[in-house]
Amino acid sequence: MINVLWFLSVPIHLTLEQFESWYLNTHTRIAKGMEGMRRYAINRALRRQPLFASREQPLTHRIAEVW
């Protein structure tokens, strides 16, 4: 079995709220339809982590695991 980890950051052109809406409503629905997928888990990263360059958002916002 293969386990893939995805580390996602908030794109510069989206607000945190827009990213969350897209991720939870669109992306997860599409990802759950992947052929052969056994498990799909998503997590939100901690707020206390290094910031990405001069942005206000952390480098990693969401972590997804697909088996």
Protein backbone atom coordinates (compact mmCIF):
# COMPACT_ATOMS: atom_id res chain seq x y z
CA MET A 1 0.00 0.00 0.00
CA ILE A 2 1.20 3.50 -0.80
CA ASN A 3 0.76 6.46 1.55
CA VAL A 4 1.04 9.97 0.09
CA LEU A 5 1.37 13.08 2.25
CA TRP A 6 0.35 16.48 0.89
CA PHE A 7 1.53 19.68 2.58
CA LEU A 8 -0.61 22.61 1.45
CA SER A 9 -0.11 26.31 1.98
CA VAL A 10 -2.64 29.07 1.37
CA PRO A 11 -2.05 30.56 -2.10
CA ILE A 12 -1.22 34.25 -2.10
CA HIS A 13 -4.30 35.11 -4.18
CA LEU A 14 -6.72 33.57 -1.63
CA THR A 15 -7.69 34.56 1.88
CA LEU A 16 -7.61 31.91 4.57
CA GLU A 17 -11.42 31.73 4.49
CA GLN A 18 -11.50 31.30 0.69
CA PHE A 19 -8.87 28.56 0.83
CA GLU A 20 -10.74 26.71 3.61
CA SER A 21 -13.99 26.91 1.65
CA TRP A 22 -12.35 25.57 -1.53
CA TYR A 23 -10.41 22.88 0.31
CA LEU A 24 -13.25 21.55 2.44
CA ASN A 25 -16.05 21.86 -0.12
CA THR A 26 -14.41 21.25 -3.51
CA HIS A 27 -11.03 19.59 -3.11
CA THR A 28 -12.05 16.95 -0.56
CA ARG A 29 -15.12 15.97 -2.62
CA ILE A 30 -12.93 15.41 -5.69
CA ALA A 31 -10.16 13.66 -3.73
CA LYS A 32 -12.59 11.21 -2.12
CA GLY A 33 -13.52 10.00 -5.61
CA MET A 34 -9.98 8.81 -6.43
CA GLU A 35 -9.96 5.27 -7.75
CA GLY A 36 -8.40 2.73 -5.39
CA MET A 37 -8.21 5.08 -2.42
CA ARG A 38 -8.52 3.27 0.91
CA ARG A 39 -8.37 6.19 3.32
CA TYR A 40 -8.29 9.99 3.16
CA ALA A 41 -7.39 12.06 6.24
CA ILE A 42 -6.98 15.82 6.51
CA ASN A 43 -5.50 17.91 9.30
CA ARG A 44 -4.92 21.57 9.93
CA ALA A 45 -1.40 22.61 10.92
CA LEU A 46 -0.62 24.47 14.10
CA ARG A 47 -0.57 28.24 13.98
CA ARG A 48 2.83 28.44 15.70
CA GLN A 49 5.27 27.67 12.93
CA PRO A 50 7.71 29.65 10.77
CA LEU A 51 6.05 32.12 8.43
CA PHE A 52 6.49 31.75 4.69
CA ALA A 53 8.79 34.55 3.47
CA SER A 54 7.15 37.88 4.32
CA ARG A 55 3.61 36.49 4.27
CA GLU A 56 1.33 36.40 7.24
CA GLN A 57 0.34 32.79 6.57
CA PRO A 58 2.41 29.81 7.80
CA LEU A 59 4.25 27.66 5.27
CA THR A 60 1.93 24.69 5.85
CA HIS A 61 -1.76 25.17 6.54
CA ARG A 62 -3.23 21.75 5.76
CA ILE A 63 -1.80 18.24 5.65
CA ALA A 64 -3.61 15.51 3.75
CA GLU A 65 -2.87 11.77 3.78
CA VAL A 66 -4.07 9.40 1.09
CA TRP A 67 -3.70 5.62 1.23
